[in-house]
Amino acid sequence: MSAYPTMDQYNDTVQHPQTAFSDPILKAAKIATNGMGLPIALGGGFALTYTATAQGRKFAIRCFHKEAKGLEARYGHVDKGLRTAGGSYFVGFEYQPTGVLVNGKRYPIVKMDWVDGDTLGSFLEDNYSDKMLISAGS
């Protein structure tokens, strides 16, 4: 897939989840907004991440805004691998190749369960010298 939508295009789109998303749960979602009523997008890497609430659950919706070689295939493999692995230690992760409609064209998204807390990188950065704490999970 060539050019992805811009942040402004995604922001305009996700304000109307009922028409933006193909996922039935996300169609009914409420997207987190700032004080001016605009969607809050967390940027990083190749995607923008929006917070959505639906059916009493909170989700992270990752929308790609930069081209990366093999990105879509990698996310497809991760989705398949996590579904195969099962287990309660993984958050819900769903790669949707046609998940969002922007300006008449479908683009991929990743829908994940939202988890509050530190990222693994932040946790390790803050606790790298505490071997007991780091090894507690093994």
Protein backbone atom coordinates (compact mmCIF):
# COMPACT_ATOMS: atom_id res chain seq x y z
CA MET A 1 0.00 0.00 0.00
CA SER A 2 1.39 3.40 -0.86
CA ALA A 3 0.65 6.70 0.88
CA TYR A 4 -1.20 6.53 4.16
CA PRO A 5 -3.52 9.26 5.42
CA THR A 6 -2.16 12.19 7.40
CA MET A 7 -2.85 12.81 11.08
CA ASP A 8 -5.41 15.47 10.17
CA GLN A 9 -7.21 13.06 7.84
CA TYR A 10 -7.31 10.37 10.54
CA ASN A 11 -8.51 12.91 13.13
CA ASP A 12 -11.35 13.98 10.84
CA THR A 13 -12.29 10.37 10.17
CA VAL A 14 -12.25 8.91 13.69
CA GLN A 15 -14.63 11.61 14.91
CA HIS A 16 -17.31 9.53 13.18
CA PRO A 17 -16.58 5.94 14.26
CA GLN A 18 -19.87 4.60 12.89
CA THR A 19 -18.69 5.31 9.33
CA ALA A 20 -14.92 5.20 9.91
CA PHE A 21 -14.47 1.65 11.15
CA SER A 22 -15.46 -1.70 9.68
CA ASP A 23 -15.27 -3.44 13.09
CA PRO A 24 -18.77 -3.57 14.65
CA ILE A 25 -17.44 -2.89 18.15
CA LEU A 26 -15.42 0.14 17.01
CA LYS A 27 -18.40 1.51 15.05
CA ALA A 28 -20.10 2.07 18.42
CA ALA A 29 -16.97 3.36 20.17
CA LYS A 30 -16.41 6.71 21.81
CA ILE A 31 -13.00 8.12 20.83
CA ALA A 32 -11.11 10.00 23.58
CA THR A 33 -10.98 13.74 22.89
CA ASN A 34 -9.18 16.79 24.25
CA GLY A 35 -10.78 19.90 25.74
CA MET A 36 -11.63 21.21 22.27
CA GLY A 37 -13.41 17.98 21.33
CA LEU A 38 -10.69 16.80 18.94
CA PRO A 39 -9.48 13.19 19.00
CA ILE A 40 -6.36 12.58 21.06
CA ALA A 41 -3.76 10.84 18.90
CA LEU A 42 -0.61 9.42 20.46
CA GLY A 43 2.12 9.47 17.85
CA GLY A 44 5.13 7.24 17.45
CA GLY A 45 6.93 5.16 14.91
CA PHE A 46 4.66 4.36 12.01
CA ALA A 47 1.27 4.80 13.64
CA LEU A 48 -1.09 7.09 15.51
CA THR A 49 -2.85 5.51 18.46
CA TYR A 50 -6.35 6.51 19.49
CA THR A 51 -8.14 5.47 22.67
CA ALA A 52 -11.65 4.11 22.20
CA THR A 53 -14.25 2.91 24.67
CA ALA A 54 -17.01 0.50 23.66
CA GLN A 55 -19.06 -2.18 25.40
CA GLY A 56 -17.44 -1.31 28.72
CA ARG A 57 -13.96 -1.98 27.36
CA LYS A 58 -11.10 0.29 26.41
CA PHE A 59 -9.14 -0.20 23.18
CA ALA A 60 -6.06 1.19 21.49
CA ILE A 61 -6.58 1.75 17.76
CA ARG A 62 -3.35 2.05 15.80
CA CYS A 63 -3.66 3.82 12.43
CA PHE A 64 -0.62 3.77 10.17
CA HIS A 65 0.66 7.06 8.80
CA LYS A 66 4.11 6.13 7.47
CA GLU A 67 5.26 3.54 5.00
CA ALA A 68 7.45 0.73 6.36
CA LYS A 69 8.58 -2.22 4.30
CA GLY A 70 6.66 -5.35 5.25
CA LEU A 71 4.67 -3.59 7.97
CA GLU A 72 1.30 -5.01 7.06
CA ALA A 73 2.65 -8.54 6.62
CA ARG A 74 4.41 -8.37 10.03
CA TYR A 75 1.25 -7.28 11.81
CA GLY A 76 -0.68 -10.05 10.05
CA HIS A 77 1.86 -12.61 11.31
CA VAL A 78 1.72 -11.20 14.86
CA ASP A 79 -2.09 -11.44 14.80
CA LYS A 80 -1.96 -15.05 13.62
CA GLY A 81 0.77 -15.97 16.10
CA LEU A 82 -1.08 -14.53 19.08
CA ARG A 83 -4.32 -16.24 18.08
CA THR A 84 -2.47 -19.55 17.80
CA ALA A 85 -0.57 -19.10 21.07
CA GLY A 86 -3.64 -18.25 23.13
CA GLY A 87 -3.08 -17.69 26.83
CA SER A 88 -4.28 -15.01 29.17
CA TYR A 89 -0.93 -13.21 29.32
CA PHE A 90 -1.39 -11.54 25.94
CA VAL A 91 -3.62 -8.53 25.43
CA GLY A 92 -6.26 -8.72 22.73
CA PHE A 93 -4.61 -7.92 19.39
CA GLU A 94 -6.37 -7.81 16.06
CA TYR A 95 -4.86 -6.73 12.75
CA GLN A 96 -7.60 -5.48 10.42
CA PRO A 97 -6.31 -4.95 6.86
CA THR A 98 -9.36 -2.83 5.90
CA GLY A 99 -10.21 -1.46 9.35
CA VAL A 100 -10.67 2.26 8.66
CA LEU A 101 -12.20 4.22 5.78
CA VAL A 102 -10.46 7.53 5.02
CA ASN A 103 -11.54 9.63 2.04
CA GLY A 104 -13.20 6.66 0.34
CA LYS A 105 -10.26 4.27 0.73
CA ARG A 106 -9.74 1.49 3.28
CA TYR A 107 -6.55 1.30 5.37
CA PRO A 108 -5.27 -1.18 7.94
CA ILE A 109 -5.53 -0.74 11.68
CA VAL A 110 -4.56 -2.71 14.75
CA LYS A 111 -7.17 -2.99 17.51
CA MET A 112 -5.73 -3.90 20.91
CA ASP A 113 -7.05 -4.08 24.43
CA TRP A 114 -5.93 -0.98 26.33
CA VAL A 115 -3.62 -1.72 29.24
CA ASP A 116 -2.80 0.93 31.83
CA GLY A 117 0.75 0.92 33.13
CA ASP A 118 4.35 1.31 32.10
CA THR A 119 5.66 -0.03 28.84
CA LEU A 120 8.24 -2.80 29.11
CA GLY A 121 10.93 -0.35 28.00
CA SER A 122 9.99 2.20 30.70
CA PHE A 123 9.83 -0.48 33.38
CA LEU A 124 13.28 -1.81 32.48
CA GLU A 125 14.76 1.67 32.27
CA ASP A 126 13.45 2.49 35.74
CA ASN A 127 14.33 -0.87 37.32
CA TYR A 128 17.32 -2.28 35.41
CA SER A 129 19.47 -2.42 38.56
CA ASP A 130 16.86 -4.33 40.62
CA LYS A 131 17.55 -7.94 39.60
CA MET A 132 15.01 -9.34 42.07
CA LEU A 133 12.20 -7.20 40.66
CA ILE A 134 13.08 -7.98 37.06
CA SER A 135 13.35 -11.72 37.66
CA ALA A 136 10.08 -11.83 39.69
CA GLY A 137 8.09 -12.46 36.52
CA SER A 138 10.07 -15.54 35.49
